[in-house]
Amino acid sequence: MKVVVVFKDRTDYARQVTDYIADFKRQTGHDLETLDPESPAGIDFTRTYDLMILPAILALSDDGMLQNSWLGLPLPTISEVSYYVQ
């Protein structure tokens, strides 16, 4: 499984997300994949998973099936997300 964090830099919530990603790394030792929704890959990703609210954290199985998602603020707890990280 993998977890993808979709967010835009230079937004009012960007600092919260970057702090969350740093805290996640410090507490679990795992990195979270990040994606800019305005990049070519991000545009395809947001269309595929129909993301309209940012920031978004998606837990995906190895074959791309959505397992869980957290949209908008507040961000989920680190323990909720760490369950999906391998």
PDB file of N, CA and C in Angstrom:
ATOM      1  N   MET A   1       0.839  -1.182   0.000  1.00  0.00           N
ATOM      2  CA  MET A   1       0.000   0.000   0.000  1.00  0.00           C
ATOM      3  C   MET A   1       0.880   1.240   0.000  1.00  0.00           C
ATOM      4  N   LYS A   2       0.271   2.339  -0.420  1.00  0.00           N
ATOM      5  CA  LYS A   2       0.976   3.610  -0.363  1.00  0.00           C
ATOM      6  C   LYS A   2      -0.001   4.705   0.032  1.00  0.00           C
ATOM      7  N   VAL A   3       0.565   5.777   0.542  1.00  0.00           N
ATOM      8  CA  VAL A   3      -0.229   6.934   0.944  1.00  0.00           C
ATOM      9  C   VAL A   3       0.276   8.131   0.152  1.00  0.00           C
ATOM     10  N   VAL A   4      -0.658   8.869  -0.443  1.00  0.00           N
ATOM     11  CA  VAL A   4      -0.320  10.042  -1.249  1.00  0.00           C
ATOM     12  C   VAL A   4      -0.983  11.266  -0.629  1.00  0.00           C
ATOM     13  N   VAL A   5      -0.186  12.311  -0.457  1.00  0.00           N
ATOM     14  CA  VAL A   5      -0.686  13.580   0.061  1.00  0.00           C
ATOM     15  C   VAL A   5      -0.738  14.558  -1.104  1.00  0.00           C
ATOM     16  N   VAL A   6      -1.928  15.055  -1.407  1.00  0.00           N
ATOM     17  CA  VAL A   6      -2.120  15.989  -2.514  1.00  0.00           C
ATOM     18  C   VAL A   6      -2.400  17.366  -1.916  1.00  0.00           C
ATOM     19  N   PHE A   7      -1.510  18.316  -2.228  1.00  0.00           N
ATOM     20  CA  PHE A   7      -1.706  19.673  -1.718  1.00  0.00           C
ATOM     21  C   PHE A   7      -0.928  20.658  -2.580  1.00  0.00           C
ATOM     22  N   LYS A   8      -1.356  21.917  -2.511  1.00  0.00           N
ATOM     23  CA  LYS A   8      -0.682  22.999  -3.233  1.00  0.00           C
ATOM     24  C   LYS A   8       0.236  23.743  -2.279  1.00  0.00           C
ATOM     25  N   ASP A   9       1.434  24.073  -2.777  1.00  0.00           N
ATOM     26  CA  ASP A   9       2.309  24.972  -2.023  1.00  0.00           C
ATOM     27  C   ASP A   9       1.711  26.372  -2.071  1.00  0.00           C
ATOM     28  N   ARG A  10       2.169  27.210  -1.198  1.00  0.00           N
ATOM     29  CA  ARG A  10       1.731  28.610  -1.156  1.00  0.00           C
ATOM     30  C   ARG A  10       0.226  28.760  -0.951  1.00  0.00           C
ATOM     31  N   THR A  11      -0.304  27.961  -0.057  1.00  0.00           N
ATOM     32  CA  THR A  11      -1.709  28.097   0.325  1.00  0.00           C
ATOM     33  C   THR A  11      -1.762  28.291   1.834  1.00  0.00           C
ATOM     34  N   ASP A  12      -2.931  28.620   2.333  1.00  0.00           N
ATOM     35  CA  ASP A  12      -3.060  28.845   3.769  1.00  0.00           C
ATOM     36  C   ASP A  12      -2.880  27.564   4.586  1.00  0.00           C
ATOM     37  N   TYR A  13      -3.046  26.394   3.984  1.00  0.00           N
ATOM     38  CA  TYR A  13      -2.900  25.136   4.708  1.00  0.00           C
ATOM     39  C   TYR A  13      -1.556  24.442   4.457  1.00  0.00           C
ATOM     40  N   ALA A  14      -0.717  24.963   3.583  1.00  0.00           N
ATOM     41  CA  ALA A  14       0.526  24.289   3.189  1.00  0.00           C
ATOM     42  C   ALA A  14       1.448  24.038   4.382  1.00  0.00           C
ATOM     43  N   ARG A  15       1.547  24.994   5.277  1.00  0.00           N
ATOM     44  CA  ARG A  15       2.426  24.822   6.441  1.00  0.00           C
ATOM     45  C   ARG A  15       1.951  23.667   7.319  1.00  0.00           C
ATOM     46  N   GLN A  16       0.641  23.551   7.522  1.00  0.00           N
ATOM     47  CA  GLN A  16       0.099  22.445   8.307  1.00  0.00           C
ATOM     48  C   GLN A  16       0.467  21.103   7.674  1.00  0.00           C
ATOM     49  N   VAL A  17       0.354  21.031   6.364  1.00  0.00           N
ATOM     50  CA  VAL A  17       0.631  19.780   5.659  1.00  0.00           C
ATOM     51  C   VAL A  17       2.117  19.439   5.725  1.00  0.00           C
ATOM     52  N   THR A  18       2.978  20.401   5.485  1.00  0.00           N
ATOM     53  CA  THR A  18       4.414  20.108   5.534  1.00  0.00           C
ATOM     54  C   THR A  18       4.855  19.734   6.949  1.00  0.00           C
ATOM     55  N   ASP A  19       4.281  20.368   7.965  1.00  0.00           N
ATOM     56  CA  ASP A  19       4.575  19.982   9.348  1.00  0.00           C
ATOM     57  C   ASP A  19       4.080  18.564   9.625  1.00  0.00           C
ATOM     58  N   TYR A  20       2.906  18.227   9.120  1.00  0.00           N
ATOM     59  CA  TYR A  20       2.340  16.886   9.292  1.00  0.00           C
ATOM     60  C   TYR A  20       3.255  15.842   8.657  1.00  0.00           C
ATOM     61  N   ILE A  21       3.725  16.110   7.443  1.00  0.00           N
ATOM     62  CA  ILE A  21       4.604  15.168   6.737  1.00  0.00           C
ATOM     63  C   ILE A  21       5.913  14.977   7.513  1.00  0.00           C
ATOM     64  N   ALA A  22       6.465  16.062   8.036  1.00  0.00           N
ATOM     65  CA  ALA A  22       7.698  15.983   8.833  1.00  0.00           C
ATOM     66  C   ALA A  22       7.459  15.200  10.127  1.00  0.00           C
ATOM     67  N   ASP A  23       6.348  15.466  10.798  1.00  0.00           N
ATOM     68  CA  ASP A  23       6.015  14.741  12.026  1.00  0.00           C
ATOM     69  C   ASP A  23       5.801  13.255  11.739  1.00  0.00           C
ATOM     70  N   PHE A  24       5.149  12.961  10.629  1.00  0.00           N
ATOM     71  CA  PHE A  24       4.908  11.561  10.241  1.00  0.00           C
ATOM     72  C   PHE A  24       6.232  10.835  10.054  1.00  0.00           C
ATOM     73  N   LYS A  25       7.167  11.464   9.364  1.00  0.00           N
ATOM     74  CA  LYS A  25       8.488  10.873   9.136  1.00  0.00           C
ATOM     75  C   LYS A  25       9.216  10.652  10.458  1.00  0.00           C
ATOM     76  N   ARG A  26       9.163  11.630  11.333  1.00  0.00           N
ATOM     77  CA  ARG A  26       9.850  11.537  12.615  1.00  0.00           C
ATOM     78  C   ARG A  26       9.254  10.436  13.497  1.00  0.00           C
ATOM     79  N   GLN A  27       7.919  10.303  13.493  1.00  0.00           N
ATOM     80  CA  GLN A  27       7.264   9.342  14.381  1.00  0.00           C
ATOM     81  C   GLN A  27       7.244   7.920  13.836  1.00  0.00           C
ATOM     82  N   THR A  28       7.198   7.765  12.507  1.00  0.00           N
ATOM     83  CA  THR A  28       7.055   6.422  11.931  1.00  0.00           C
ATOM     84  C   THR A  28       8.285   5.952  11.173  1.00  0.00           C
ATOM     85  N   GLY A  29       9.135   6.886  10.745  1.00  0.00           N
ATOM     86  CA  GLY A  29      10.289   6.523   9.935  1.00  0.00           C
ATOM     87  C   GLY A  29       9.947   6.321   8.470  1.00  0.00           C
ATOM     88  N   HIS A  30       8.703   6.592   8.079  1.00  0.00           N
ATOM     89  CA  HIS A  30       8.253   6.422   6.694  1.00  0.00           C
ATOM     90  C   HIS A  30       8.010   7.779   6.041  1.00  0.00           C
ATOM     91  N   ASP A  31       8.296   7.838   4.748  1.00  0.00           N
ATOM     92  CA  ASP A  31       8.006   9.036   3.961  1.00  0.00           C
ATOM     93  C   ASP A  31       6.625   8.914   3.332  1.00  0.00           C
ATOM     94  N   LEU A  32       5.938  10.024   3.212  1.00  0.00           N
ATOM     95  CA  LEU A  32       4.672  10.073   2.489  1.00  0.00           C
ATOM     96  C   LEU A  32       4.931  10.664   1.113  1.00  0.00           C
ATOM     97  N   GLU A  33       4.327  10.067   0.107  1.00  0.00           N
ATOM     98  CA  GLU A  33       4.450  10.598  -1.251  1.00  0.00           C
ATOM     99  C   GLU A  33       3.610  11.867  -1.346  1.00  0.00           C
ATOM    100  N   THR A  34       4.170  12.908  -1.946  1.00  0.00           N
ATOM    101  CA  THR A  34       3.431  14.157  -2.128  1.00  0.00           C
ATOM    102  C   THR A  34       3.211  14.413  -3.609  1.00  0.00           C
ATOM    103  N   LEU A  35       2.151  15.129  -3.893  1.00  0.00           N
ATOM    104  CA  LEU A  35       1.796  15.401  -5.279  1.00  0.00           C
ATOM    105  C   LEU A  35       1.158  16.776  -5.377  1.00  0.00           C
ATOM    106  N   ASP A  36       1.626  17.553  -6.339  1.00  0.00           N
ATOM    107  CA  ASP A  36       1.049  18.865  -6.614  1.00  0.00           C
ATOM    108  C   ASP A  36      -0.116  18.672  -7.585  1.00  0.00           C
ATOM    109  N   PRO A  37      -1.320  19.092  -7.223  1.00  0.00           N
ATOM    110  CA  PRO A  37      -2.479  18.869  -8.094  1.00  0.00           C
ATOM    111  C   PRO A  37      -2.426  19.650  -9.401  1.00  0.00           C
ATOM    112  N   GLU A  38      -1.490  20.595  -9.524  1.00  0.00           N
ATOM    113  CA  GLU A  38      -1.386  21.367 -10.764  1.00  0.00           C
ATOM    114  C   GLU A  38      -0.290  20.860 -11.689  1.00  0.00           C
ATOM    115  N   SER A  39       0.440  19.826 -11.269  1.00  0.00           N
ATOM    116  CA  SER A  39       1.443  19.212 -12.146  1.00  0.00           C
ATOM    117  C   SER A  39       0.721  18.275 -13.114  1.00  0.00           C
ATOM    118  N   PRO A  40       1.360  17.902 -14.226  1.00  0.00           N
ATOM    119  CA  PRO A  40       0.694  16.975 -15.161  1.00  0.00           C
ATOM    120  C   PRO A  40       0.267  15.661 -14.486  1.00  0.00           C
ATOM    121  N   ALA A  41       1.137  15.090 -13.667  1.00  0.00           N
ATOM    122  CA  ALA A  41       0.775  13.851 -12.967  1.00  0.00           C
ATOM    123  C   ALA A  41      -0.331  14.117 -11.947  1.00  0.00           C
ATOM    124  N   GLY A  42      -0.276  15.274 -11.298  1.00  0.00           N
ATOM    125  CA  GLY A  42      -1.281  15.630 -10.311  1.00  0.00           C
ATOM    126  C   GLY A  42      -2.651  15.849 -10.914  1.00  0.00           C
ATOM    127  N   ILE A  43      -2.683  16.434 -12.095  1.00  0.00           N
ATOM    128  CA  ILE A  43      -3.962  16.642 -12.785  1.00  0.00           C
ATOM    129  C   ILE A  43      -4.621  15.305 -13.084  1.00  0.00           C
ATOM    130  N   ASP A  44      -3.840  14.366 -13.605  1.00  0.00           N
ATOM    131  CA  ASP A  44      -4.384  13.030 -13.887  1.00  0.00           C
ATOM    132  C   ASP A  44      -4.845  12.343 -12.603  1.00  0.00           C
ATOM    133  N   PHE A  45      -4.042  12.466 -11.552  1.00  0.00           N
ATOM    134  CA  PHE A  45      -4.357  11.818 -10.273  1.00  0.00           C
ATOM    135  C   PHE A  45      -5.652  12.376  -9.693  1.00  0.00           C
ATOM    136  N   THR A  46      -5.786  13.703  -9.678  1.00  0.00           N
ATOM    137  CA  THR A  46      -6.992  14.306  -9.110  1.00  0.00           C
ATOM    138  C   THR A  46      -8.236  13.972  -9.925  1.00  0.00           C
ATOM    139  N   ARG A  47      -8.085  13.826 -11.222  1.00  0.00           N
ATOM    140  CA  ARG A  47      -9.228  13.405 -12.056  1.00  0.00           C
ATOM    141  C   ARG A  47      -9.582  11.958 -11.786  1.00  0.00           C
ATOM    142  N   THR A  48      -8.580  11.101 -11.678  1.00  0.00           N
ATOM    143  CA  THR A  48      -8.820   9.675 -11.451  1.00  0.00           C
ATOM    144  C   THR A  48      -9.575   9.446 -10.143  1.00  0.00           C
ATOM    145  N   TYR A  49      -9.159  10.137  -9.098  1.00  0.00           N
ATOM    146  CA  TYR A  49      -9.768   9.934  -7.777  1.00  0.00           C
ATOM    147  C   TYR A  49     -10.797  11.004  -7.433  1.00  0.00           C
ATOM    148  N   ASP A  50     -11.155  11.849  -8.399  1.00  0.00           N
ATOM    149  CA  ASP A  50     -12.210  12.856  -8.262  1.00  0.00           C
ATOM    150  C   ASP A  50     -12.022  13.732  -7.019  1.00  0.00           C
ATOM    151  N   LEU A  51     -10.826  14.289  -6.894  1.00  0.00           N
ATOM    152  CA  LEU A  51     -10.518  15.126  -5.738  1.00  0.00           C
ATOM    153  C   LEU A  51     -10.947  16.559  -6.004  1.00  0.00           C
ATOM    154  N   MET A  52     -11.817  17.067  -5.166  1.00  0.00           N
ATOM    155  CA  MET A  52     -12.287  18.440  -5.284  1.00  0.00           C
ATOM    156  C   MET A  52     -11.892  19.269  -4.068  1.00  0.00           C
ATOM    157  N   ILE A  53     -11.529  18.589  -2.976  1.00  0.00           N
ATOM    158  CA  ILE A  53     -11.175  19.269  -1.736  1.00  0.00           C
ATOM    159  C   ILE A  53      -9.714  18.970  -1.416  1.00  0.00           C
ATOM    160  N   LEU A  54      -8.962  20.031  -1.137  1.00  0.00           N
ATOM    161  CA  LEU A  54      -7.555  19.878  -0.774  1.00  0.00           C
ATOM    162  C   LEU A  54      -7.329  20.513   0.589  1.00  0.00           C
ATOM    163  N   PRO A  55      -6.384  20.047   1.350  1.00  0.00           N
ATOM    164  CA  PRO A  55      -5.482  18.943   1.060  1.00  0.00           C
ATOM    165  C   PRO A  55      -6.215  17.601   1.135  1.00  0.00           C
ATOM    166  N   ALA A  56      -5.646  16.613   0.467  1.00  0.00           N
ATOM    167  CA  ALA A  56      -6.223  15.273   0.459  1.00  0.00           C
ATOM    168  C   ALA A  56      -5.126  14.258   0.757  1.00  0.00           C
ATOM    169  N   ILE A  57      -5.461  13.296   1.587  1.00  0.00           N
ATOM    170  CA  ILE A  57      -4.559  12.183   1.872  1.00  0.00           C
ATOM    171  C   ILE A  57      -5.299  10.929   1.459  1.00  0.00           C
ATOM    172  N   LEU A  58      -4.701  10.172   0.534  1.00  0.00           N
ATOM    173  CA  LEU A  58      -5.323   8.960   0.025  1.00  0.00           C
ATOM    174  C   LEU A  58      -4.455   7.750   0.328  1.00  0.00           C
ATOM    175  N   ALA A  59      -5.079   6.717   0.848  1.00  0.00           N
ATOM    176  CA  ALA A  59      -4.416   5.434   1.062  1.00  0.00           C
ATOM    177  C   ALA A  59      -4.844   4.521  -0.080  1.00  0.00           C
ATOM    178  N   LEU A  60      -3.856   4.028  -0.835  1.00  0.00           N
ATOM    179  CA  LEU A  60      -4.133   3.218  -2.015  1.00  0.00           C
ATOM    180  C   LEU A  60      -3.490   1.843  -1.880  1.00  0.00           C
ATOM    181  N   SER A  61      -4.189   0.832  -2.367  1.00  0.00           N
ATOM    182  CA  SER A  61      -3.597  -0.501  -2.421  1.00  0.00           C
ATOM    183  C   SER A  61      -2.574  -0.538  -3.545  1.00  0.00           C
ATOM    184  N   ASP A  62      -1.826  -1.623  -3.638  1.00  0.00           N
ATOM    185  CA  ASP A  62      -0.781  -1.723  -4.652  1.00  0.00           C
ATOM    186  C   ASP A  62      -1.335  -1.647  -6.075  1.00  0.00           C
ATOM    187  N   ASP A  63      -2.595  -2.027  -6.259  1.00  0.00           N
ATOM    188  CA  ASP A  63      -3.197  -1.964  -7.592  1.00  0.00           C
ATOM    189  C   ASP A  63      -3.969  -0.663  -7.834  1.00  0.00           C
ATOM    190  N   GLY A  64      -3.838   0.308  -6.914  1.00  0.00           N
ATOM    191  CA  GLY A  64      -4.450   1.619  -7.112  1.00  0.00           C
ATOM    192  C   GLY A  64      -5.858   1.772  -6.579  1.00  0.00           C
ATOM    193  N   MET A  65      -6.380   0.755  -5.924  1.00  0.00           N
ATOM    194  CA  MET A  65      -7.728   0.857  -5.354  1.00  0.00           C
ATOM    195  C   MET A  65      -7.699   1.725  -4.096  1.00  0.00           C
ATOM    196  N   LEU A  66      -8.657   2.609  -3.995  1.00  0.00           N
ATOM    197  CA  LEU A  66      -8.749   3.506  -2.847  1.00  0.00           C
ATOM    198  C   LEU A  66      -9.162   2.712  -1.607  1.00  0.00           C
ATOM    199  N   GLN A  67      -8.346   2.801  -0.564  1.00  0.00           N
ATOM    200  CA  GLN A  67      -8.641   2.125   0.693  1.00  0.00           C
ATOM    201  C   GLN A  67      -9.272   3.071   1.711  1.00  0.00           C
ATOM    202  N   ASN A  68      -8.768   4.297   1.740  1.00  0.00           N
ATOM    203  CA  ASN A  68      -9.303   5.305   2.657  1.00  0.00           C
ATOM    204  C   ASN A  68      -8.882   6.675   2.155  1.00  0.00           C
ATOM    205  N   SER A  69      -9.614   7.697   2.544  1.00  0.00           N
ATOM    206  CA  SER A  69      -9.252   9.056   2.156  1.00  0.00           C
ATOM    207  C   SER A  69      -9.647  10.025   3.253  1.00  0.00           C
ATOM    208  N   TRP A  70      -8.866  11.084   3.344  1.00  0.00           N
ATOM    209  CA  TRP A  70      -9.126  12.168   4.268  1.00  0.00           C
ATOM    210  C   TRP A  70      -9.047  13.448   3.453  1.00  0.00           C
ATOM    211  N   LEU A  71     -10.111  14.200   3.435  1.00  0.00           N
ATOM    212  CA  LEU A  71     -10.191  15.400   2.606  1.00  0.00           C
ATOM    213  C   LEU A  71     -10.324  16.644   3.463  1.00  0.00           C
ATOM    214  N   GLY A  72      -9.555  17.661   3.109  1.00  0.00           N
ATOM    215  CA  GLY A  72      -9.643  18.927   3.817  1.00  0.00           C
ATOM    216  C   GLY A  72      -9.010  18.885   5.191  1.00  0.00           C
ATOM    217  N   LEU A  73      -9.281  19.932   5.942  1.00  0.00           N
ATOM    218  CA  LEU A  73      -8.783  20.043   7.309  1.00  0.00           C
ATOM    219  C   LEU A  73      -9.909  19.719   8.272  1.00  0.00           C
ATOM    220  N   PRO A  74      -9.639  19.210   9.440  1.00  0.00           N
ATOM    221  CA  PRO A  74      -8.339  18.917  10.010  1.00  0.00           C
ATOM    222  C   PRO A  74      -7.741  17.645   9.404  1.00  0.00           C
ATOM    223  N   LEU A  75      -6.425  17.551   9.480  1.00  0.00           N
ATOM    224  CA  LEU A  75      -5.724  16.379   8.986  1.00  0.00           C
ATOM    225  C   LEU A  75      -5.941  15.214   9.947  1.00  0.00           C
ATOM    226  N   PRO A  76      -5.863  13.983   9.438  1.00  0.00           N
ATOM    227  CA  PRO A  76      -6.072  12.820  10.318  1.00  0.00           C
ATOM    228  C   PRO A  76      -4.911  12.656  11.294  1.00  0.00           C
ATOM    229  N   THR A  77      -5.108  11.801  12.286  1.00  0.00           N
ATOM    230  CA  THR A  77      -4.013  11.520  13.204  1.00  0.00           C
ATOM    231  C   THR A  77      -2.958  10.690  12.480  1.00  0.00           C
ATOM    232  N   ILE A  78      -1.755  10.762  12.972  1.00  0.00           N
ATOM    233  CA  ILE A  78      -0.663  10.000  12.352  1.00  0.00           C
ATOM    234  C   ILE A  78      -0.920   8.508  12.470  1.00  0.00           C
ATOM    235  N   SER A  79      -1.518   8.063  13.572  1.00  0.00           N
ATOM    236  CA  SER A  79      -1.797   6.626  13.742  1.00  0.00           C
ATOM    237  C   SER A  79      -2.825   6.131  12.725  1.00  0.00           C
ATOM    238  N   GLU A  80      -3.790   6.976  12.363  1.00  0.00           N
ATOM    239  CA  GLU A  80      -4.768   6.577  11.347  1.00  0.00           C
ATOM    240  C   GLU A  80      -4.092   6.306  10.007  1.00  0.00           C
ATOM    241  N   VAL A  81      -3.181   7.166   9.618  1.00  0.00           N
ATOM    242  CA  VAL A  81      -2.506   7.055   8.323  1.00  0.00           C
ATOM    243  C   VAL A  81      -1.429   5.986   8.350  1.00  0.00           C
ATOM    244  N   SER A  82      -0.728   5.858   9.455  1.00  0.00           N
ATOM    245  CA  SER A  82       0.392   4.906   9.530  1.00  0.00           C
ATOM    246  C   SER A  82      -0.058   3.466   9.316  1.00  0.00           C
ATOM    247  N   TYR A  83      -1.308   3.159   9.581  1.00  0.00           N
ATOM    248  CA  TYR A  83      -1.849   1.823   9.334  1.00  0.00           C
ATOM    249  C   TYR A  83      -1.677   1.422   7.866  1.00  0.00           C
ATOM    250  N   TYR A  84      -1.738   2.382   6.965  1.00  0.00           N
ATOM    251  CA  TYR A  84      -1.709   2.101   5.526  1.00  0.00           C
ATOM    252  C   TYR A  84      -0.313   2.164   4.906  1.00  0.00           C
ATOM    253  N   VAL A  85       0.688   2.517   5.687  1.00  0.00           N
ATOM    254  CA  VAL A  85       2.048   2.661   5.159  1.00  0.00           C
ATOM    255  C   VAL A  85       2.821   1.372   5.392  1.00  0.00           C
ATOM    256  N   GLN A  86       3.507   0.927   4.353  1.00  0.00           N
ATOM    257  CA  GLN A  86       4.309  -0.296   4.482  1.00  0.00           C
ATOM    258  C   GLN A  86       5.775   0.033   4.368  1.00  0.00           C
TER     259      GLN A  86
END
